[in-house]
Amino acid sequence: MNPEPNQDRMDISLLVLAAGMGSRYGGTKQLDHLGPAGETIMDYSVYDAIRAGFSKVVFVIREHFEAAFRKDFVEKWKGRVQVELVCQEIEAVPAGISYHQERTKPWGTAHAMLMAKGVIHEPFAVINADDFYGPESYALVADFLRGSSDSRSEEFCMAGYRLKNTLSDFGSVSRGICRVSKEDFLESVTEHTAIARDNDGHIHSHGEGSPVPLDPDDIVSMNFWGFTPGIFDHTDRMFREFIRERGQELKSEMYIPGLVDTLIKDGKATVRVLPTPARWFGVTYQEDRPRAVENIRKLVDAGAYPRKLWS
C-alpha cells in the first residue's frame, strides 16, 4: 500500500542517519524487521515522511553494509520516493588534517549530516534511523520547512519531545536537554549521554560526578531537526575546528545538538521548537525490541498503518 503524499509540491528532503554501529543493540538495528510484514523502523519513517510531503529521502550509511541496505531496504521504496545513499567513513576528513589511526568509531551525527552536503540542496529534516517519531512530528516539521523559501536561511526548527516519553526501560539513553523561550525558540541544548529512570521513578543524568536530577517534562531533542542547506557551511567549518582539536582522540564525536547550541549562542541561527504530542520509541538495546514490535502492532491494529507498507 502506498502512502498518500501531501499535495503541496515544494521539494523537501528527509535525511536519515543510519550509519550507527549498534554496539549497545548487538547488531545492525537499522535493518531489524519489527513490523508485521518485516518492516523496519525506517520503513515507517519513510512512510510518514511521504504522507507529510517529503519528496526525497537520503540515507547516511556505512560502506560495509551498503549492499545489504540496497537489497533489504532501498528496493522496496523505488518508485514511491526518490532515494539517495551517502556513506560516512572515518577517513572522510578535510585534506591535510590527521587523526588517530587506531580509531574505529564514526565522528558523530554532525559529521554524518555533513556527508549529505553534495546531494541535498533544499530544506530538509534530519532523523535517526532507529527512532520511531510518530506521524504528527513529520507533519509539523514539513509545514515549517515548506515556509523556508530562502535556501540560505538560518531559521531552523526542532521537534520537541517530553523527556518522560523518550526513555528506555533497559538502560541509559542520550538526549539533548533543551531550554526554550516563552516564544518557543530554542535557547540552548545540552547533550546528556547517560539519562535513565531510577528504581524510585525519578530521572537522572549519570555522567561524571554525582547524578543530576532532571524534570520529566523537560523538552528534549530527539535529533529530529529541520534545516536549510545553509547549515552545511557552518557544519563544515565547525567540523574542521573539531577534528584539529580532537582528531587524535579515539572516541570523541561531534553531535548535531552541540553544533546547533553553538550557532544559537553565536547569534548565527534561530531554532523554533515545535512541541509534538507524539510518543517516541526506539531500539537502543536488544531488550527494547519486543516493546517496539508490540507498539507497532498496536498502531497497525488501530489503523494508523496498513499491515504491509508496500504492495
C-alpha atoms as a PDB file:
ATOM      1  CA  MET A   1       0.000   0.000   0.000  1.00  0.00           C
ATOM      2  CA  ASN A   2       1.406   3.378  -0.970  1.00  0.00           C
ATOM      3  CA  PRO A   3       1.038   6.341   1.396  1.00  0.00           C
ATOM      4  CA  GLU A   4      -0.930   9.303   0.094  1.00  0.00           C
ATOM      5  CA  PRO A   5       1.513  12.212  -0.214  1.00  0.00           C
ATOM      6  CA  ASN A   6       0.739  15.754   0.811  1.00  0.00           C
ATOM      7  CA  GLN A   7      -0.294  17.678  -2.282  1.00  0.00           C
ATOM      8  CA  ASP A   8       1.993  20.643  -1.600  1.00  0.00           C
ATOM      9  CA  ARG A   9       4.758  20.080  -4.174  1.00  0.00           C
ATOM     10  CA  MET A  10       7.574  22.177  -2.697  1.00  0.00           C
ATOM     11  CA  ASP A  11      10.631  19.918  -2.557  1.00  0.00           C
ATOM     12  CA  ILE A  12      11.731  18.980   0.946  1.00  0.00           C
ATOM     13  CA  SER A  13      14.033  16.097   1.858  1.00  0.00           C
ATOM     14  CA  LEU A  14      14.462  13.706   4.750  1.00  0.00           C
ATOM     15  CA  LEU A  15      17.988  12.830   5.876  1.00  0.00           C
ATOM     16  CA  VAL A  16      18.148   9.543   7.805  1.00  0.00           C
ATOM     17  CA  LEU A  17      21.239   8.925   9.937  1.00  0.00           C
ATOM     18  CA  ALA A  18      21.727   5.169   9.545  1.00  0.00           C
ATOM     19  CA  ALA A  19      25.494   4.755   9.908  1.00  0.00           C
ATOM     20  CA  GLY A  20      25.479   3.887  13.626  1.00  0.00           C
ATOM     21  CA  MET A  21      27.314   0.744  14.616  1.00  0.00           C
ATOM     22  CA  GLY A  22      24.634  -0.546  17.033  1.00  0.00           C
ATOM     23  CA  SER A  23      27.155  -1.547  19.698  1.00  0.00           C
ATOM     24  CA  ARG A  24      24.566  -1.459  22.520  1.00  0.00           C
ATOM     25  CA  TYR A  25      21.992  -3.303  20.402  1.00  0.00           C
ATOM     26  CA  GLY A  26      24.337  -6.039  19.268  1.00  0.00           C
ATOM     27  CA  GLY A  27      23.769  -5.736  15.521  1.00  0.00           C
ATOM     28  CA  THR A  28      22.649  -3.608  12.601  1.00  0.00           C
ATOM     29  CA  LYS A  29      19.430  -2.397  14.221  1.00  0.00           C
ATOM     30  CA  GLN A  30      18.641  -0.159  11.240  1.00  0.00           C
ATOM     31  CA  LEU A  31      17.653  -3.267   9.254  1.00  0.00           C
ATOM     32  CA  ASP A  32      15.935  -5.228  12.018  1.00  0.00           C
ATOM     33  CA  HIS A  33      12.459  -6.398  10.973  1.00  0.00           C
ATOM     34  CA  LEU A  34       9.916  -5.209  13.548  1.00  0.00           C
ATOM     35  CA  GLY A  35       6.651  -4.752  11.616  1.00  0.00           C
ATOM     36  CA  PRO A  36       4.091  -7.457  10.726  1.00  0.00           C
ATOM     37  CA  ALA A  37       5.386  -7.736   7.148  1.00  0.00           C
ATOM     38  CA  GLY A  38       9.052  -7.381   8.046  1.00  0.00           C
ATOM     39  CA  GLU A  39       9.136  -3.573   8.172  1.00  0.00           C
ATOM     40  CA  THR A  40      11.974  -1.721   9.862  1.00  0.00           C
ATOM     41  CA  ILE A  41      11.513   1.454  11.878  1.00  0.00           C
ATOM     42  CA  MET A  42      12.994   3.275   8.869  1.00  0.00           C
ATOM     43  CA  ASP A  43      10.144   1.966   6.718  1.00  0.00           C
ATOM     44  CA  TYR A  44       7.626   3.648   8.999  1.00  0.00           C
ATOM     45  CA  SER A  45       9.722   6.831   8.986  1.00  0.00           C
ATOM     46  CA  VAL A  46       9.727   6.934   5.187  1.00  0.00           C
ATOM     47  CA  TYR A  47       6.002   6.176   5.069  1.00  0.00           C
ATOM     48  CA  ASP A  48       5.224   9.024   7.480  1.00  0.00           C
ATOM     49  CA  ALA A  49       7.560  11.368   5.609  1.00  0.00           C
ATOM     50  CA  ILE A  50       5.871  10.712   2.263  1.00  0.00           C
ATOM     51  CA  ARG A  51       2.470  11.365   3.824  1.00  0.00           C
ATOM     52  CA  ALA A  52       3.804  14.673   5.181  1.00  0.00           C
ATOM     53  CA  GLY A  53       5.045  15.760   1.747  1.00  0.00           C
ATOM     54  CA  PHE A  54       8.750  14.864   1.668  1.00  0.00           C
ATOM     55  CA  SER A  55       9.822  14.107  -1.902  1.00  0.00           C
ATOM     56  CA  LYS A  56      13.349  12.716  -1.350  1.00  0.00           C
ATOM     57  CA  VAL A  57      14.980  10.528   1.289  1.00  0.00           C
ATOM     58  CA  VAL A  58      18.751  10.459   1.789  1.00  0.00           C
ATOM     59  CA  PHE A  59      20.343   7.747   3.944  1.00  0.00           C
ATOM     60  CA  VAL A  60      23.748   8.099   5.584  1.00  0.00           C
ATOM     61  CA  ILE A  61      25.173   4.586   5.935  1.00  0.00           C
ATOM     62  CA  ARG A  62      28.489   2.753   6.311  1.00  0.00           C
ATOM     63  CA  GLU A  63      30.053   1.345   3.174  1.00  0.00           C
ATOM     64  CA  HIS A  64      30.397  -2.185   4.575  1.00  0.00           C
ATOM     65  CA  PHE A  65      26.621  -2.740   4.670  1.00  0.00           C
ATOM     66  CA  GLU A  66      25.689  -0.776   1.537  1.00  0.00           C
ATOM     67  CA  ALA A  67      24.911  -3.915  -0.495  1.00  0.00           C
ATOM     68  CA  ALA A  68      22.625  -5.330   2.214  1.00  0.00           C
ATOM     69  CA  PHE A  69      20.983  -1.939   2.669  1.00  0.00           C
ATOM     70  CA  ARG A  70      20.179  -1.652  -1.032  1.00  0.00           C
ATOM     71  CA  LYS A  71      18.805  -5.180  -1.165  1.00  0.00           C
ATOM     72  CA  ASP A  72      16.788  -5.187   2.051  1.00  0.00           C
ATOM     73  CA  PHE A  73      15.580  -1.598   2.092  1.00  0.00           C
ATOM     74  CA  VAL A  74      16.105   0.676  -0.890  1.00  0.00           C
ATOM     75  CA  GLU A  75      14.470  -1.638  -3.442  1.00  0.00           C
ATOM     76  CA  LYS A  76      11.180  -1.521  -1.533  1.00  0.00           C
ATOM     77  CA  TRP A  77      10.794   2.229  -1.943  1.00  0.00           C
ATOM     78  CA  LYS A  78      11.788   2.617  -5.605  1.00  0.00           C
ATOM     79  CA  GLY A  79       9.056   4.430  -7.498  1.00  0.00           C
ATOM     80  CA  ARG A  80       7.477   5.733  -4.305  1.00  0.00           C
ATOM     81  CA  VAL A  81      10.055   8.356  -3.336  1.00  0.00           C
ATOM     82  CA  GLN A  82      13.458   9.495  -4.610  1.00  0.00           C
ATOM     83  CA  VAL A  83      16.186   7.685  -2.650  1.00  0.00           C
ATOM     84  CA  GLU A  84      19.875   8.619  -2.319  1.00  0.00           C
ATOM     85  CA  LEU A  85      22.682   6.932  -0.358  1.00  0.00           C
ATOM     86  CA  VAL A  86      25.812   8.574   1.029  1.00  0.00           C
ATOM     87  CA  CYS A  87      28.489   6.938   3.166  1.00  0.00           C
ATOM     88  CA  GLN A  88      30.010   8.093   6.428  1.00  0.00           C
ATOM     89  CA  GLU A  89      33.513   6.773   6.852  1.00  0.00           C
ATOM     90  CA  ILE A  90      36.228   7.690   9.347  1.00  0.00           C
ATOM     91  CA  GLU A  91      38.613   8.786   6.600  1.00  0.00           C
ATOM     92  CA  ALA A  92      36.149  11.411   5.295  1.00  0.00           C
ATOM     93  CA  VAL A  93      38.007  14.351   6.834  1.00  0.00           C
ATOM     94  CA  PRO A  94      39.396  17.567   5.321  1.00  0.00           C
ATOM     95  CA  ALA A  95      42.622  17.208   3.356  1.00  0.00           C
ATOM     96  CA  GLY A  96      45.764  17.794   5.353  1.00  0.00           C
ATOM     97  CA  ILE A  97      44.188  17.013   8.745  1.00  0.00           C
ATOM     98  CA  SER A  98      45.380  13.908  10.587  1.00  0.00           C
ATOM     99  CA  TYR A  99      43.553  11.730  13.109  1.00  0.00           C
ATOM    100  CA  HIS A 100      44.333   8.746  15.331  1.00  0.00           C
ATOM    101  CA  GLN A 101      44.907   5.775  13.028  1.00  0.00           C
ATOM    102  CA  GLU A 102      43.508   3.277  15.558  1.00  0.00           C
ATOM    103  CA  ARG A 103      40.123   4.985  15.621  1.00  0.00           C
ATOM    104  CA  THR A 104      37.142   2.785  14.679  1.00  0.00           C
ATOM    105  CA  LYS A 105      34.239   4.939  15.889  1.00  0.00           C
ATOM    106  CA  PRO A 106      32.474   7.325  13.440  1.00  0.00           C
ATOM    107  CA  TRP A 107      32.828  11.070  14.017  1.00  0.00           C
ATOM    108  CA  GLY A 108      29.247  11.633  15.200  1.00  0.00           C
ATOM    109  CA  THR A 109      25.914  12.891  13.941  1.00  0.00           C
ATOM    110  CA  ALA A 110      27.125  16.311  12.777  1.00  0.00           C
ATOM    111  CA  HIS A 111      29.750  14.657  10.581  1.00  0.00           C
ATOM    112  CA  ALA A 112      27.108  12.210   9.294  1.00  0.00           C
ATOM    113  CA  MET A 113      24.874  15.125   8.284  1.00  0.00           C
ATOM    114  CA  LEU A 114      27.804  16.790   6.521  1.00  0.00           C
ATOM    115  CA  MET A 115      28.156  13.748   4.239  1.00  0.00           C
ATOM    116  CA  ALA A 116      24.889  14.773   2.524  1.00  0.00           C
ATOM    117  CA  LYS A 117      26.097  18.222   1.511  1.00  0.00           C
ATOM    118  CA  GLY A 118      26.510  17.218  -2.131  1.00  0.00           C
ATOM    119  CA  VAL A 119      23.035  15.724  -2.580  1.00  0.00           C
ATOM    120  CA  ILE A 120      20.727  17.978  -0.551  1.00  0.00           C
ATOM    121  CA  HIS A 121      20.015  21.444  -1.963  1.00  0.00           C
ATOM    122  CA  GLU A 122      16.569  22.069  -0.470  1.00  0.00           C
ATOM    123  CA  PRO A 123      15.118  22.402   3.054  1.00  0.00           C
ATOM    124  CA  PHE A 124      15.455  19.089   4.855  1.00  0.00           C
ATOM    125  CA  ALA A 125      14.761  17.243   8.076  1.00  0.00           C
ATOM    126  CA  VAL A 126      17.226  15.052   9.977  1.00  0.00           C
ATOM    127  CA  ILE A 127      16.249  11.940  11.945  1.00  0.00           C
ATOM    128  CA  ASN A 128      17.859   8.877  13.492  1.00  0.00           C
ATOM    129  CA  ALA A 129      17.267   5.549  11.744  1.00  0.00           C
ATOM    130  CA  ASP A 130      16.344   3.646  14.905  1.00  0.00           C
ATOM    131  CA  ASP A 131      13.819   6.093  16.389  1.00  0.00           C
ATOM    132  CA  PHE A 132      10.064   5.990  15.811  1.00  0.00           C
ATOM    133  CA  TYR A 133       8.964   9.628  15.904  1.00  0.00           C
ATOM    134  CA  GLY A 134       5.242   9.485  15.094  1.00  0.00           C
ATOM    135  CA  PRO A 135       3.404  10.962  12.076  1.00  0.00           C
ATOM    136  CA  GLU A 136       2.484  14.163  13.938  1.00  0.00           C
ATOM    137  CA  SER A 137       6.135  15.183  14.128  1.00  0.00           C
ATOM    138  CA  TYR A 138       6.739  14.753  10.392  1.00  0.00           C
ATOM    139  CA  ALA A 139       3.716  16.928   9.633  1.00  0.00           C
ATOM    140  CA  LEU A 140       4.912  19.684  11.997  1.00  0.00           C
ATOM    141  CA  VAL A 141       8.437  19.789  10.600  1.00  0.00           C
ATOM    142  CA  ALA A 142       7.266  19.543   6.978  1.00  0.00           C
ATOM    143  CA  ASP A 143       4.943  22.532   7.450  1.00  0.00           C
ATOM    144  CA  PHE A 144       7.829  24.555   8.856  1.00  0.00           C
ATOM    145  CA  LEU A 145      10.202  23.574   6.044  1.00  0.00           C
ATOM    146  CA  ARG A 146       7.721  24.496   3.358  1.00  0.00           C
ATOM    147  CA  GLY A 147       7.855  28.028   4.746  1.00  0.00           C
ATOM    148  CA  SER A 148      11.648  28.170   4.239  1.00  0.00           C
ATOM    149  CA  SER A 149      11.669  29.911   0.874  1.00  0.00           C
ATOM    150  CA  ASP A 150      15.301  31.054   1.246  1.00  0.00           C
ATOM    151  CA  SER A 151      17.682  28.099   0.939  1.00  0.00           C
ATOM    152  CA  ARG A 152      20.344  30.058   2.825  1.00  0.00           C
ATOM    153  CA  SER A 153      18.012  30.945   5.684  1.00  0.00           C
ATOM    154  CA  GLU A 154      19.362  30.322   9.159  1.00  0.00           C
ATOM    155  CA  GLU A 155      15.920  29.878  10.681  1.00  0.00           C
ATOM    156  CA  PHE A 156      15.731  26.228  11.667  1.00  0.00           C
ATOM    157  CA  CYS A 157      13.347  24.058  13.709  1.00  0.00           C
ATOM    158  CA  MET A 158      13.308  21.096  16.065  1.00  0.00           C
ATOM    159  CA  ALA A 159      10.572  18.654  17.075  1.00  0.00           C
ATOM    160  CA  GLY A 160      10.411  18.903  20.863  1.00  0.00           C
ATOM    161  CA  TYR A 161       9.548  15.811  22.935  1.00  0.00           C
ATOM    162  CA  ARG A 162       8.870  15.475  26.656  1.00  0.00           C
ATOM    163  CA  LEU A 163      11.752  13.677  28.378  1.00  0.00           C
ATOM    164  CA  LYS A 164       9.421  11.252  30.184  1.00  0.00           C
ATOM    165  CA  ASN A 165       8.166   9.989  26.811  1.00  0.00           C
ATOM    166  CA  THR A 166      11.612   9.171  25.444  1.00  0.00           C
ATOM    167  CA  LEU A 167      13.277   6.759  27.883  1.00  0.00           C
ATOM    168  CA  SER A 168      14.244   3.104  27.646  1.00  0.00           C
ATOM    169  CA  ASP A 169      13.424   0.700  30.476  1.00  0.00           C
ATOM    170  CA  PHE A 170      16.603  -1.243  29.809  1.00  0.00           C
ATOM    171  CA  GLY A 171      19.458   1.245  30.093  1.00  0.00           C
ATOM    172  CA  SER A 172      20.556   4.826  29.716  1.00  0.00           C
ATOM    173  CA  VAL A 173      19.944   6.973  26.631  1.00  0.00           C
ATOM    174  CA  SER A 174      21.451  10.113  25.116  1.00  0.00           C
ATOM    175  CA  ARG A 175      19.231  13.183  24.945  1.00  0.00           C
ATOM    176  CA  GLY A 176      19.734  16.882  24.321  1.00  0.00           C
ATOM    177  CA  ILE A 177      18.066  18.750  27.222  1.00  0.00           C
ATOM    178  CA  CYS A 178      16.624  21.995  25.872  1.00  0.00           C
ATOM    179  CA  ARG A 179      15.975  25.420  27.332  1.00  0.00           C
ATOM    180  CA  VAL A 180      13.100  27.013  25.425  1.00  0.00           C
ATOM    181  CA  SER A 181      11.918  30.631  25.474  1.00  0.00           C
ATOM    182  CA  LYS A 182       8.312  31.681  26.057  1.00  0.00           C
ATOM    183  CA  GLU A 183       8.135  32.296  22.296  1.00  0.00           C
ATOM    184  CA  ASP A 184       9.135  28.656  21.627  1.00  0.00           C
ATOM    185  CA  PHE A 185      12.652  29.433  20.433  1.00  0.00           C
ATOM    186  CA  LEU A 186      15.493  27.163  21.458  1.00  0.00           C
ATOM    187  CA  GLU A 187      17.893  28.997  23.771  1.00  0.00           C
ATOM    188  CA  SER A 188      20.318  26.176  24.453  1.00  0.00           C
ATOM    189  CA  VAL A 189      20.650  22.422  24.184  1.00  0.00           C
ATOM    190  CA  THR A 190      22.934  20.362  26.411  1.00  0.00           C
ATOM    191  CA  GLU A 191      23.811  16.821  25.393  1.00  0.00           C
ATOM    192  CA  HIS A 192      23.467  14.221  28.157  1.00  0.00           C
ATOM    193  CA  THR A 193      24.798  10.808  27.179  1.00  0.00           C
ATOM    194  CA  ALA A 194      23.550   8.687  30.118  1.00  0.00           C
ATOM    195  CA  ILE A 195      19.966   9.513  31.143  1.00  0.00           C
ATOM    196  CA  ALA A 196      17.945   6.854  32.955  1.00  0.00           C
ATOM    197  CA  ARG A 197      14.910   6.423  35.205  1.00  0.00           C
ATOM    198  CA  ASP A 198      15.943   5.145  38.615  1.00  0.00           C
ATOM    199  CA  ASN A 199      14.178   2.475  40.670  1.00  0.00           C
ATOM    200  CA  ASP A 200      12.240   5.179  42.507  1.00  0.00           C
ATOM    201  CA  GLY A 201      10.894   6.539  39.209  1.00  0.00           C
ATOM    202  CA  HIS A 202      12.991   9.701  39.199  1.00  0.00           C
ATOM    203  CA  ILE A 203      15.056  10.631  36.133  1.00  0.00           C
ATOM    204  CA  HIS A 204      18.750  11.458  36.418  1.00  0.00           C
ATOM    205  CA  SER A 205      21.654  12.196  34.128  1.00  0.00           C
ATOM    206  CA  HIS A 206      24.503   9.878  35.054  1.00  0.00           C
ATOM    207  CA  GLY A 207      27.665  11.485  33.797  1.00  0.00           C
ATOM    208  CA  GLU A 208      30.866  12.244  35.616  1.00  0.00           C
ATOM    209  CA  GLY A 209      30.330  13.035  39.292  1.00  0.00           C
ATOM    210  CA  SER A 210      27.011  12.820  41.127  1.00  0.00           C
ATOM    211  CA  PRO A 211      23.769  12.073  39.209  1.00  0.00           C
ATOM    212  CA  VAL A 212      21.910  15.212  38.121  1.00  0.00           C
ATOM    213  CA  PRO A 213      18.097  15.170  38.584  1.00  0.00           C
ATOM    214  CA  LEU A 214      16.025  16.056  35.512  1.00  0.00           C
ATOM    215  CA  ASP A 215      12.435  17.220  35.133  1.00  0.00           C
ATOM    216  CA  PRO A 216      10.310  14.562  33.346  1.00  0.00           C
ATOM    217  CA  ASP A 217       8.569  17.367  31.434  1.00  0.00           C
ATOM    218  CA  ASP A 218      11.827  18.826  30.118  1.00  0.00           C
ATOM    219  CA  ILE A 219      11.806  19.361  26.362  1.00  0.00           C
ATOM    220  CA  VAL A 220      14.444  17.199  24.729  1.00  0.00           C
ATOM    221  CA  SER A 221      15.969  16.897  21.302  1.00  0.00           C
ATOM    222  CA  MET A 222      15.443  13.502  19.719  1.00  0.00           C
ATOM    223  CA  ASN A 223      17.637  14.509  16.791  1.00  0.00           C
ATOM    224  CA  PHE A 224      14.609  15.481  14.690  1.00  0.00           C
ATOM    225  CA  TRP A 225      15.724  18.775  13.168  1.00  0.00           C
ATOM    226  CA  GLY A 226      14.590  20.943  10.278  1.00  0.00           C
ATOM    227  CA  PHE A 227      17.341  22.797   8.387  1.00  0.00           C
ATOM    228  CA  THR A 228      18.041  24.645   5.180  1.00  0.00           C
ATOM    229  CA  PRO A 229      21.202  23.873   3.156  1.00  0.00           C
ATOM    230  CA  GLY A 230      22.799  26.842   4.889  1.00  0.00           C
ATOM    231  CA  ILE A 231      23.579  24.523   7.810  1.00  0.00           C
ATOM    232  CA  PHE A 232      26.226  22.694   5.778  1.00  0.00           C
ATOM    233  CA  ASP A 233      28.734  25.559   5.620  1.00  0.00           C
ATOM    234  CA  HIS A 234      28.505  26.019   9.383  1.00  0.00           C
ATOM    235  CA  THR A 235      28.924  22.283   9.928  1.00  0.00           C
ATOM    236  CA  ASP A 236      31.940  22.090   7.613  1.00  0.00           C
ATOM    237  CA  ARG A 237      33.676  24.967   9.382  1.00  0.00           C
ATOM    238  CA  MET A 238      32.986  23.636  12.862  1.00  0.00           C
ATOM    239  CA  PHE A 239      33.968  20.073  11.988  1.00  0.00           C
ATOM    240  CA  ARG A 240      37.330  21.328  10.750  1.00  0.00           C
ATOM    241  CA  GLU A 241      37.844  23.024  14.106  1.00  0.00           C
ATOM    242  CA  PHE A 242      36.676  19.916  15.949  1.00  0.00           C
ATOM    243  CA  ILE A 243      38.995  17.478  14.216  1.00  0.00           C
ATOM    244  CA  ARG A 244      42.010  19.765  14.543  1.00  0.00           C
ATOM    245  CA  GLU A 245      41.448  19.898  18.290  1.00  0.00           C
ATOM    246  CA  ARG A 246      40.226  16.358  18.975  1.00  0.00           C
ATOM    247  CA  GLY A 247      41.183  14.254  15.988  1.00  0.00           C
ATOM    248  CA  GLN A 248      43.763  12.277  17.969  1.00  0.00           C
ATOM    249  CA  GLU A 249      41.131  11.037  20.406  1.00  0.00           C
ATOM    250  CA  LEU A 250      39.695   7.568  19.852  1.00  0.00           C
ATOM    251  CA  LYS A 251      36.033   8.182  20.744  1.00  0.00           C
ATOM    252  CA  SER A 252      35.245  11.908  20.602  1.00  0.00           C
ATOM    253  CA  GLU A 253      32.216  12.782  18.457  1.00  0.00           C
ATOM    254  CA  MET A 254      30.630  15.957  17.129  1.00  0.00           C
ATOM    255  CA  TYR A 255      26.895  15.962  17.748  1.00  0.00           C
ATOM    256  CA  ILE A 256      24.193  17.977  15.991  1.00  0.00           C
ATOM    257  CA  PRO A 257      22.816  19.372  19.302  1.00  0.00           C
ATOM    258  CA  GLY A 258      26.234  20.799  20.154  1.00  0.00           C
ATOM    259  CA  LEU A 259      26.530  22.298  16.681  1.00  0.00           C
ATOM    260  CA  VAL A 260      23.107  23.943  16.990  1.00  0.00           C
ATOM    261  CA  ASP A 261      23.813  25.172  20.510  1.00  0.00           C
ATOM    262  CA  THR A 262      26.972  26.929  19.318  1.00  0.00           C
ATOM    263  CA  LEU A 263      25.172  28.571  16.392  1.00  0.00           C
ATOM    264  CA  ILE A 264      22.450  29.881  18.694  1.00  0.00           C
ATOM    265  CA  LYS A 265      24.922  31.253  21.238  1.00  0.00           C
ATOM    266  CA  ASP A 266      26.965  32.908  18.469  1.00  0.00           C
ATOM    267  CA  GLY A 267      23.826  34.544  17.072  1.00  0.00           C
ATOM    268  CA  LYS A 268      24.168  32.740  13.731  1.00  0.00           C
ATOM    269  CA  ALA A 269      20.868  30.817  13.791  1.00  0.00           C
ATOM    270  CA  THR A 270      17.456  30.631  15.390  1.00  0.00           C
ATOM    271  CA  VAL A 271      15.613  27.390  16.076  1.00  0.00           C
ATOM    272  CA  ARG A 272      11.860  27.207  16.508  1.00  0.00           C
ATOM    273  CA  VAL A 273      10.810  24.406  18.868  1.00  0.00           C
ATOM    274  CA  LEU A 274       7.738  22.569  17.607  1.00  0.00           C
ATOM    275  CA  PRO A 275       6.174  20.767  20.594  1.00  0.00           C
ATOM    276  CA  THR A 276       4.888  17.400  19.446  1.00  0.00           C
ATOM    277  CA  PRO A 277       2.285  15.198  21.132  1.00  0.00           C
ATOM    278  CA  ALA A 278       3.887  12.107  19.590  1.00  0.00           C
ATOM    279  CA  ARG A 279       5.366   9.416  21.799  1.00  0.00           C
ATOM    280  CA  TRP A 280       8.794   8.129  20.897  1.00  0.00           C
ATOM    281  CA  PHE A 281      10.031   4.574  20.964  1.00  0.00           C
ATOM    282  CA  GLY A 282      13.178   3.006  19.621  1.00  0.00           C
ATOM    283  CA  VAL A 283      15.630   0.125  19.782  1.00  0.00           C
ATOM    284  CA  THR A 284      18.644   1.335  21.704  1.00  0.00           C
ATOM    285  CA  TYR A 285      19.019  -2.045  23.406  1.00  0.00           C
ATOM    286  CA  GLN A 286      18.111  -5.571  22.301  1.00  0.00           C
ATOM    287  CA  GLU A 287      15.675  -5.661  25.237  1.00  0.00           C
ATOM    288  CA  ASP A 288      13.784  -2.759  23.609  1.00  0.00           C
ATOM    289  CA  ARG A 289      12.877  -4.930  20.627  1.00  0.00           C
ATOM    290  CA  PRO A 290       9.791  -6.768  21.975  1.00  0.00           C
ATOM    291  CA  ARG A 291       8.240  -3.489  23.114  1.00  0.00           C
ATOM    292  CA  ALA A 292       8.906  -1.849  19.747  1.00  0.00           C
ATOM    293  CA  VAL A 293       7.272  -4.811  17.983  1.00  0.00           C
ATOM    294  CA  GLU A 294       4.257  -4.542  20.287  1.00  0.00           C
ATOM    295  CA  ASN A 295       3.973  -0.761  19.823  1.00  0.00           C
ATOM    296  CA  ILE A 296       3.948  -1.169  16.045  1.00  0.00           C
ATOM    297  CA  ARG A 297       1.377  -3.969  16.249  1.00  0.00           C
ATOM    298  CA  LYS A 298      -0.940  -1.724  18.287  1.00  0.00           C
ATOM    299  CA  LEU A 299      -0.595   1.111  15.769  1.00  0.00           C
ATOM    300  CA  VAL A 300      -1.367  -1.248  12.891  1.00  0.00           C
ATOM    301  CA  ASP A 301      -4.367  -2.717  14.738  1.00  0.00           C
ATOM    302  CA  ALA A 302      -5.636   0.832  15.379  1.00  0.00           C
ATOM    303  CA  GLY A 303      -5.472   1.606  11.657  1.00  0.00           C
ATOM    304  CA  ALA A 304      -2.603   4.099  11.844  1.00  0.00           C
ATOM    305  CA  TYR A 305      -0.639   1.992   9.331  1.00  0.00           C
ATOM    306  CA  PRO A 306      -1.519  -0.756   6.851  1.00  0.00           C
ATOM    307  CA  ARG A 307      -0.459  -4.311   7.659  1.00  0.00           C
ATOM    308  CA  LYS A 308       2.003  -4.088   4.785  1.00  0.00           C
ATOM    309  CA  LEU A 309       3.568  -0.758   3.899  1.00  0.00           C
ATOM    310  CA  TRP A 310       4.320  -1.631   0.290  1.00  0.00           C
ATOM    311  CA  SER A 311       2.407  -3.634  -2.289  1.00  0.00           C
END
